[in-house]
N, C-alpha and C. Protein backbone atom coordinates (compact mmCIF):
# COMPACT_ATOMS: atom_id res chain seq x y z
N MET A 1 -14.87 98.39 149.84
CA MET A 1 -13.37 98.29 150.93
C MET A 1 -13.74 99.98 149.99
N GLU A 2 -12.93 101.28 151.47
CA GLU A 2 -12.81 101.99 151.20
C GLU A 2 -11.94 102.40 150.31
N SER A 3 -11.86 103.93 149.52
CA SER A 3 -10.93 104.16 147.88
C SER A 3 -9.40 104.21 149.03
N SER A 4 -9.61 104.67 149.49
CA SER A 4 -8.09 105.12 150.87
C SER A 4 -7.35 104.07 150.35
N LYS A 5 -7.58 102.46 150.55
CA LYS A 5 -7.23 101.37 151.06
C LYS A 5 -7.03 100.34 149.96
N ARG A 6 -7.45 100.67 147.90
CA ARG A 6 -7.81 99.84 147.68
C ARG A 6 -5.99 99.67 146.71
N ALA A 7 -5.50 98.91 146.30
CA ALA A 7 -4.34 98.70 145.50
C ALA A 7 -4.02 99.74 144.87
N ALA A 8 -2.50 100.14 144.67
CA ALA A 8 -2.62 101.20 143.42
C ALA A 8 -1.24 100.36 143.04
N LEU A 9 -1.69 99.65 141.99
CA LEU A 9 -1.17 98.45 140.83
C LEU A 9 -0.51 98.93 139.37
N PRO A 10 -0.20 100.37 138.99
CA PRO A 10 -0.19 100.32 137.78
C PRO A 10 1.23 99.93 137.24
N TRP A 11 0.92 100.10 136.28
CA TRP A 11 2.83 99.22 135.25
C TRP A 11 1.95 100.05 134.45
N HIS A 12 3.48 100.92 134.46
CA HIS A 12 3.94 102.10 133.97
C HIS A 12 4.96 101.70 133.07
N VAL A 13 4.58 101.14 131.21
CA VAL A 13 5.24 100.94 129.97
C VAL A 13 5.72 101.95 129.10
N PRO A 14 6.45 102.70 129.29
CA PRO A 14 6.44 103.57 128.40
C PRO A 14 6.85 103.12 126.70
N ASN A 15 6.66 104.30 126.15
CA ASN A 15 6.35 104.22 124.66
C ASN A 15 5.37 102.96 123.65
N VAL A 16 4.31 102.45 124.64
CA VAL A 16 3.49 101.46 124.00
C VAL A 16 2.01 102.59 123.87
N PHE A 17 1.71 103.05 123.54
CA PHE A 17 0.36 103.76 123.29
C PHE A 17 1.06 105.10 122.94
N VAL A 18 1.47 105.09 121.49
CA VAL A 18 1.95 106.21 120.57
C VAL A 18 0.67 106.05 119.20
N ALA A 19 0.79 107.47 118.87
CA ALA A 19 -0.09 107.72 117.59
C ALA A 19 0.56 106.73 116.79
N ASN A 20 -0.83 106.11 116.09
CA ASN A 20 -0.63 105.71 114.78
C ASN A 20 0.70 104.80 114.85
N VAL A 21 0.71 104.46 115.87
CA VAL A 21 1.20 102.80 115.91
C VAL A 21 0.62 101.64 117.02
N SER A 22 0.27 100.17 116.24
CA SER A 22 0.04 99.71 117.12
C SER A 22 0.34 98.24 117.74
N HIS A 23 0.44 98.12 119.10
CA HIS A 23 1.50 96.71 119.56
C HIS A 23 0.13 95.92 119.76
N SER A 24 0.82 94.29 119.91
CA SER A 24 -0.32 93.42 120.26
C SER A 24 0.67 93.18 121.71
N ILE A 25 -0.94 93.26 122.92
CA ILE A 25 -0.33 93.30 123.82
C ILE A 25 -1.75 92.16 124.64
N LEU A 26 -0.37 91.72 125.57
CA LEU A 26 -0.88 90.29 126.15
C LEU A 26 -0.70 90.45 127.98
N PHE A 27 -1.20 90.21 128.42
CA PHE A 27 -1.20 90.77 130.47
C PHE A 27 -1.59 88.47 131.22
N SER A 28 -0.43 87.75 131.61
CA SER A 28 -0.64 87.02 131.84
C SER A 28 -0.73 86.37 133.11
N TYR A 29 -1.45 86.06 133.99
CA TYR A 29 -1.88 86.30 135.93
C TYR A 29 -1.59 84.33 135.98
N ASP A 30 -0.25 84.23 136.70
CA ASP A 30 -0.86 82.66 137.10
C ASP A 30 -0.90 82.09 138.51
N GLY A 31 -1.60 82.85 139.36
CA GLY A 31 -2.16 83.06 140.95
C GLY A 31 -1.02 83.73 141.51
N ALA A 32 0.24 83.52 140.89
CA ALA A 32 1.26 84.03 141.95
C ALA A 32 1.83 85.13 140.88
N GLN A 33 2.09 85.50 140.04
CA GLN A 33 2.55 86.69 139.38
C GLN A 33 2.05 86.84 138.10
N GLY A 34 2.27 88.33 138.07
CA GLY A 34 1.81 89.30 136.62
C GLY A 34 2.72 88.97 136.15
N PHE A 35 2.34 89.10 134.46
CA PHE A 35 3.18 89.00 133.05
C PHE A 35 2.90 89.95 132.57
N LEU A 36 3.49 91.19 131.66
CA LEU A 36 3.03 91.98 130.62
C LEU A 36 3.68 91.11 129.33
N TYR A 37 3.01 91.01 128.29
CA TYR A 37 4.18 90.71 126.58
C TYR A 37 3.45 91.76 125.63
N ILE A 38 4.20 92.51 125.21
CA ILE A 38 4.34 93.48 124.05
C ILE A 38 4.62 92.62 122.73
N ASP A 39 3.51 92.49 121.69
CA ASP A 39 4.80 92.49 120.76
C ASP A 39 5.56 90.85 120.66
N GLY A 40 4.71 90.11 121.94
CA GLY A 40 5.15 89.27 121.77
C GLY A 40 6.54 89.10 122.74
N LYS A 41 7.06 90.21 123.20
CA LYS A 41 8.33 90.18 124.23
C LYS A 41 8.09 90.23 125.53
N LYS A 42 8.34 90.38 126.58
CA LYS A 42 8.08 89.60 127.99
C LYS A 42 8.76 91.01 128.12
N ILE A 43 8.20 92.11 129.11
CA ILE A 43 8.46 92.80 129.91
C ILE A 43 8.95 92.32 130.97
N SER A 44 10.45 93.36 131.15
CA SER A 44 10.92 92.28 131.53
C SER A 44 10.23 92.69 133.83
N ARG A 45 9.69 93.67 133.89
CA ARG A 45 9.26 93.11 135.99
C ARG A 45 7.76 93.35 135.95
N SER A 46 8.20 92.27 136.83
CA SER A 46 6.44 91.37 136.47
C SER A 46 5.75 91.78 138.34
N PHE A 47 4.68 91.36 138.65
CA PHE A 47 3.92 91.77 139.77
C PHE A 47 4.27 90.13 140.65
N CYS A 48 4.56 89.92 141.45
CA CYS A 48 4.56 89.05 142.56
C CYS A 48 3.56 89.50 143.32
N LEU A 49 2.86 89.10 142.86
CA LEU A 49 1.74 88.84 144.18
C LEU A 49 1.79 87.54 145.12
N SER A 50 2.41 87.91 145.63
CA SER A 50 2.77 86.43 147.32
C SER A 50 1.98 87.02 148.43
N PRO A 51 1.37 85.81 149.20
CA PRO A 51 0.89 86.31 150.30
C PRO A 51 1.35 87.50 151.27
N GLY A 52 2.38 88.41 151.20
CA GLY A 52 3.15 89.43 151.82
C GLY A 52 2.25 90.68 150.92
N ALA A 53 1.75 90.36 149.86
CA ALA A 53 1.26 91.45 149.80
C ALA A 53 0.01 91.28 150.39
N ALA A 54 -1.19 90.13 150.06
CA ALA A 54 -2.68 90.14 150.84
C ALA A 54 -2.09 90.65 152.13
N MET A 55 -1.20 90.36 153.13
CA MET A 55 -1.19 90.92 154.25
C MET A 55 -0.91 92.12 154.12
N VAL A 56 0.33 92.53 153.61
CA VAL A 56 0.48 93.99 153.83
C VAL A 56 -0.96 94.68 153.12
N GLY A 57 -2.21 94.55 152.66
CA GLY A 57 -3.17 95.27 151.89
C GLY A 57 -4.10 95.45 152.62
N LYS A 58 -4.16 94.41 153.71
CA LYS A 58 -4.93 94.59 154.90
C LYS A 58 -4.91 95.68 156.25
N LEU A 59 -3.88 96.04 156.11
CA LEU A 59 -3.17 97.34 156.61
C LEU A 59 -2.93 98.73 155.85
N ILE A 60 -2.71 98.86 154.78
CA ILE A 60 -2.12 100.13 153.71
C ILE A 60 -2.65 99.63 152.75
N ARG A 61 -2.94 100.95 152.06
CA ARG A 61 -2.36 100.48 150.25
C ARG A 61 -1.28 100.12 149.52
N ILE A 62 -1.36 98.57 148.97
CA ILE A 62 -0.37 98.27 148.67
C ILE A 62 0.47 99.26 147.12
N LYS A 63 1.35 98.54 146.83
CA LYS A 63 1.57 100.08 145.56
C LYS A 63 2.74 98.79 144.77
N SER A 64 2.39 98.78 142.73
CA SER A 64 3.32 98.36 142.94
C SER A 64 4.90 97.93 142.63
N ASP A 65 5.05 98.83 143.16
CA ASP A 65 6.77 98.88 143.23
C ASP A 65 7.43 98.76 144.79
N GLU A 66 6.37 97.99 145.28
CA GLU A 66 6.97 97.53 147.04
C GLU A 66 6.42 95.83 146.71
N LEU A 67 5.76 95.20 145.90
CA LEU A 67 5.28 93.98 145.64
C LEU A 67 6.41 93.10 146.31
N VAL A 68 7.71 93.22 145.66
CA VAL A 68 8.78 92.70 145.85
C VAL A 68 9.27 92.47 147.99
N ALA A 69 8.91 94.13 148.15
CA ALA A 69 9.70 94.44 149.71
C ALA A 69 8.40 93.48 150.74
N TYR A 70 6.96 93.19 150.23
CA TYR A 70 6.02 92.64 150.92
C TYR A 70 6.48 91.30 151.30
N SER A 71 6.87 90.77 149.94
CA SER A 71 6.88 89.25 150.03
C SER A 71 8.15 88.86 151.08
N GLY A 72 9.53 89.80 151.06
CA GLY A 72 10.05 89.94 151.58
C GLY A 72 10.15 90.32 153.23
N LEU A 73 8.36 91.26 153.23
CA LEU A 73 8.50 90.62 154.82
C LEU A 73 8.04 89.85 155.33
N TYR A 74 6.92 88.91 154.39
CA TYR A 74 6.27 88.00 154.92
C TYR A 74 7.43 86.65 154.67
N LYS A 75 8.30 86.37 154.43
CA LYS A 75 9.18 85.70 154.31
C LYS A 75 9.75 86.35 156.18
N SER A 76 10.16 86.82 156.32
CA SER A 76 10.98 87.13 157.27
C SER A 76 10.05 87.24 158.55
N LEU A 77 9.06 87.70 158.52
CA LEU A 77 7.54 87.62 159.65
C LEU A 77 7.80 85.52 159.77
N VAL A 78 8.06 84.76 159.26
CA VAL A 78 7.69 83.06 159.07
C VAL A 78 8.72 82.96 159.71
N PHE A 79 9.84 82.79 158.88
CA PHE A 79 11.32 82.62 158.60
C PHE A 79 12.06 82.64 159.79
N LEU A 80 12.09 84.21 160.59
CA LEU A 80 13.35 84.05 161.10
C LEU A 80 13.20 83.93 162.58
N PRO A 81 11.80 83.77 162.92
CA PRO A 81 10.87 82.80 164.09
C PRO A 81 11.34 81.74 164.33
N VAL A 82 12.05 80.91 162.94
CA VAL A 82 11.53 79.45 162.97
C VAL A 82 13.06 79.73 163.18
N GLY A 83 13.81 80.43 162.79
CA GLY A 83 15.25 80.07 163.13
C GLY A 83 15.26 80.22 164.62
N PHE A 84 15.17 81.89 164.80
CA PHE A 84 15.53 82.13 166.63
C PHE A 84 15.23 80.68 167.37
N LEU A 85 13.44 80.08 166.76
CA LEU A 85 13.68 78.52 167.94
C LEU A 85 14.42 77.94 168.28
N LEU A 86 14.97 77.25 166.21
CA LEU A 86 15.81 76.45 167.10
C LEU A 86 16.97 76.49 166.98
N GLY A 87 18.07 78.64 167.08
CA GLY A 87 18.86 78.49 167.51
C GLY A 87 18.77 78.47 168.48
N LEU A 88 17.55 78.90 170.30
CA LEU A 88 17.70 78.71 171.40
C LEU A 88 17.60 77.02 171.29
N GLY A 89 17.22 75.97 170.04
CA GLY A 89 17.17 74.54 170.27
C GLY A 89 18.56 74.19 170.76
N VAL A 90 19.42 74.92 169.81
CA VAL A 90 20.81 74.25 169.31
C VAL A 90 21.64 74.55 170.30
N ARG A 91 21.51 75.69 171.28
CA ARG A 91 21.91 75.42 172.28
C ARG A 91 21.75 74.99 173.90
N LYS A 92 20.64 74.32 173.44
CA LYS A 92 19.93 73.21 174.67
C LYS A 92 20.65 71.25 174.59
N VAL A 93 20.95 71.67 173.70
CA VAL A 93 21.18 70.10 173.14
C VAL A 93 22.79 70.09 172.44
N SER A 94 23.00 68.48 172.73
CA SER A 94 24.45 67.97 172.73
C SER A 94 24.55 67.63 170.86
N ARG A 95 25.66 68.14 171.46
CA ARG A 95 26.12 68.34 169.23
C ARG A 95 26.94 67.26 168.98
N ARG A 96 27.40 65.83 169.78
CA ARG A 96 27.89 64.68 169.02
C ARG A 96 26.81 63.79 169.63
N ASN A 97 25.49 63.46 168.96
CA ASN A 97 24.60 63.65 168.72
C ASN A 97 24.07 63.31 167.13
N SER A 98 23.97 62.14 166.24
CA SER A 98 23.75 62.50 165.01
C SER A 98 22.26 62.50 164.36
N ILE A 99 21.66 62.32 165.36
CA ILE A 99 20.16 62.30 164.99
C ILE A 99 19.97 63.95 165.13
N TYR A 100 20.47 64.32 166.90
CA TYR A 100 20.69 65.77 166.75
C TYR A 100 20.70 66.27 165.73
N LYS A 101 21.82 66.51 164.94
CA LYS A 101 22.42 67.05 163.61
C LYS A 101 20.98 66.99 162.49
N LEU A 102 20.66 65.39 162.54
CA LEU A 102 19.85 65.57 161.65
C LEU A 102 18.36 66.25 161.55
N GLY A 103 18.38 66.51 163.00
CA GLY A 103 16.84 67.51 163.34
C GLY A 103 17.05 69.10 162.90
N ILE A 104 18.07 69.36 162.70
CA ILE A 104 18.81 70.81 163.04
C ILE A 104 18.70 70.93 161.22
N ALA A 105 19.03 69.83 160.75
CA ALA A 105 19.38 70.25 159.38
C ALA A 105 17.81 69.29 158.88
N LEU A 106 16.45 69.02 158.86
CA LEU A 106 15.75 68.63 158.34
C LEU A 106 15.20 70.14 159.19
N SER A 107 14.88 70.37 160.06
CA SER A 107 14.15 71.90 160.52
C SER A 107 15.03 73.19 160.05
N LEU A 108 16.08 73.06 159.08
CA LEU A 108 16.61 74.57 158.43
C LEU A 108 15.80 74.28 156.82
N VAL A 109 15.56 73.26 156.78
CA VAL A 109 14.63 73.27 155.05
C VAL A 109 13.58 72.75 155.10
N LEU A 110 12.97 71.74 156.00
CA LEU A 110 11.83 71.17 155.76
C LEU A 110 10.44 72.26 155.48
N PRO A 111 10.60 73.36 156.79
CA PRO A 111 9.51 74.57 156.96
C PRO A 111 9.41 74.68 155.34
N ALA A 112 10.87 75.37 154.90
CA ALA A 112 11.15 76.42 153.44
C ALA A 112 10.32 75.59 152.54
N ILE A 113 10.39 74.20 152.82
CA ILE A 113 10.10 73.53 151.23
C ILE A 113 8.92 73.06 151.28
N LEU A 114 8.07 73.47 152.66
CA LEU A 114 6.91 72.89 152.85
C LEU A 114 6.12 73.99 152.15
N LEU A 115 6.39 75.07 152.47
CA LEU A 115 5.74 76.34 152.02
C LEU A 115 5.65 77.03 150.65
N GLU A 116 7.01 76.47 150.02
CA GLU A 116 7.38 76.25 148.54
C GLU A 116 6.27 75.89 148.10
N THR A 117 5.90 74.47 148.68
CA THR A 117 5.22 73.91 147.99
C THR A 117 3.60 73.85 148.55
N LEU A 118 3.57 74.00 148.87
CA LEU A 118 1.58 75.11 149.13
C LEU A 118 2.04 76.08 148.38
N LEU A 119 2.76 77.13 148.12
CA LEU A 119 2.21 78.15 147.45
C LEU A 119 2.69 77.82 145.86
N VAL A 120 3.10 76.66 145.32
CA VAL A 120 2.96 76.14 144.06
C VAL A 120 2.09 75.57 143.82
N GLU A 121 1.67 74.72 145.05
CA GLU A 121 0.38 73.90 144.48
C GLU A 121 -1.07 75.16 144.45
N VAL A 122 -0.96 76.41 145.85
CA VAL A 122 -2.30 77.04 145.06
C VAL A 122 -1.47 77.95 144.29
N SER A 123 -1.07 78.20 143.47
CA SER A 123 -0.88 79.34 142.47
C SER A 123 -0.46 78.97 141.31
N GLY A 124 -0.02 77.33 140.82
CA GLY A 124 0.69 77.35 139.47
C GLY A 124 1.28 76.89 138.61
N ARG A 125 2.23 78.01 140.14
CA ARG A 125 3.73 78.38 139.32
C ARG A 125 4.90 77.67 139.39
N PRO A 126 5.48 77.76 138.50
CA PRO A 126 6.66 76.50 139.00
C PRO A 126 7.75 76.27 139.96
N PRO A 127 8.61 75.85 140.71
CA PRO A 127 8.58 75.49 141.93
C PRO A 127 9.87 76.71 141.83
N SER A 128 10.77 77.57 142.74
CA SER A 128 11.66 78.72 142.51
C SER A 128 12.61 78.52 143.63
N ILE A 129 14.14 78.05 143.23
CA ILE A 129 15.24 77.53 143.64
C ILE A 129 15.28 79.09 144.64
N MET A 130 15.59 80.21 143.59
CA MET A 130 15.26 81.47 144.70
C MET A 130 14.62 81.64 145.49
N GLN A 131 13.31 81.13 145.83
CA GLN A 131 11.66 81.46 146.98
C GLN A 131 12.52 80.52 147.67
N LEU A 132 12.97 79.46 147.05
CA LEU A 132 13.40 78.26 148.51
C LEU A 132 14.72 78.94 149.05
N ALA A 133 15.75 79.54 148.93
CA ALA A 133 17.17 79.45 149.65
C ALA A 133 16.88 80.72 150.06
N SER A 134 15.94 81.74 149.93
CA SER A 134 15.97 83.19 150.75
C SER A 134 15.01 82.21 152.08
N SER A 135 14.22 81.90 152.04
CA SER A 135 13.28 81.32 153.17
C SER A 135 14.41 80.40 153.64
N ILE A 136 15.17 79.64 153.44
CA ILE A 136 16.27 78.29 153.86
C ILE A 136 17.33 79.48 154.90
N GLY A 137 17.59 80.80 154.27
CA GLY A 137 18.80 82.06 154.42
C GLY A 137 17.95 82.44 155.55
N LEU A 138 16.72 82.55 156.08
CA LEU A 138 16.51 83.55 156.56
C LEU A 138 15.78 82.57 157.33
N THR A 139 15.68 81.88 157.71
CA THR A 139 15.99 80.46 159.06
C THR A 139 17.63 80.75 159.68
N VAL A 140 18.09 80.28 158.51
CA VAL A 140 19.81 79.98 159.34
C VAL A 140 20.40 81.58 159.46
N ALA A 141 19.94 83.14 158.67
CA ALA A 141 20.00 83.95 159.83
C ALA A 141 18.81 84.36 161.25
N GLY A 142 18.28 83.78 161.28
CA GLY A 142 17.19 83.71 162.47
C GLY A 142 17.71 83.24 163.92
N MET A 143 18.84 81.80 163.27
CA MET A 143 19.20 80.73 164.57
C MET A 143 20.97 81.11 164.23
N ALA A 144 21.54 81.95 163.89
CA ALA A 144 22.79 82.21 164.03
C ALA A 144 22.79 83.76 164.58
N TRP A 145 21.85 84.57 164.73
CA TRP A 145 21.38 85.71 165.47
C TRP A 145 20.94 85.27 166.44
N MET A 146 19.90 84.23 167.16
CA MET A 146 19.60 84.58 168.26
C MET A 146 21.11 83.37 169.01
N ASN A 147 22.04 83.49 168.20
CA ASN A 147 23.62 82.67 168.99
C ASN A 147 24.70 83.47 168.84
N LEU A 148 24.60 84.37 168.08
CA LEU A 148 25.35 85.46 168.38
C LEU A 148 26.04 85.88 169.66
N ASP A 149 25.75 86.33 170.55
CA ASP A 149 26.02 86.77 171.79
C ASP A 149 26.22 85.25 172.66
N SER A 150 26.35 83.41 172.33
CA SER A 150 26.41 82.67 172.67
C SER A 150 27.90 82.67 172.58
N PRO A 151 28.64 82.26 173.67
CA PRO A 151 30.00 82.31 173.55
C PRO A 151 30.07 80.47 173.59
N VAL A 152 31.39 80.04 172.40
CA VAL A 152 31.69 78.84 172.56
C VAL A 152 32.73 77.91 174.04
N SER A 153 32.38 77.71 174.87
CA SER A 153 32.31 76.97 175.76
C SER A 153 33.44 76.30 176.17
N ARG A 154 33.80 74.66 174.86
CA ARG A 154 35.49 73.99 174.73
C ARG A 154 35.11 74.24 173.43
N ARG A 155 36.80 74.39 173.24
CA ARG A 155 37.43 73.78 172.03
C ARG A 155 36.74 73.02 171.36
N GLU A 156 36.84 71.88 171.79
CA GLU A 156 35.88 70.97 170.41
C GLU A 156 34.96 71.44 170.45
N ASP A 157 33.79 72.19 171.24
CA ASP A 157 32.90 72.69 170.39
C ASP A 157 32.36 73.01 169.00
N LEU A 158 33.97 73.68 168.73
CA LEU A 158 33.70 74.07 167.43
C LEU A 158 34.44 73.59 166.20
N TYR A 159 35.01 72.23 166.64
CA TYR A 159 34.72 71.14 165.09
C TYR A 159 34.06 70.57 165.75
N ASN A 160 32.57 70.11 166.30
CA ASN A 160 32.08 69.17 166.33
C ASN A 160 30.47 69.73 165.88
């Protein structure tokens, strides 16, 4: 890999390397996140190494300050299109059908649950409610965005 494409992932922690002061330093990586402990205390900022970082790393040089943004970008590229497709489906199907409502509800949460399960299995990290909620939120946002210009044609559609 050429040097201009290598990741720039410095972890700046002030006042660790000071003359005549010793510290116990531990770095832990669970397959998804890197954690740093100094003298038994966890440093609040961790490295979130998501599929988004790997994706962006193919295009540009990744930076440690942008790792969370890469995760958000990846989720947006996955879950907004799912929401767009669901938004189109909502326009075409009758809203009185209970199977329809169940299908839409499952379609909103199932892709997010499947991705979170896959990432937990691959990385060994514990499941994250926040990661799951952001994925579902992006799906709902895509669905809503697709229907912003869609007028409600009948008053009873508001309540069904």
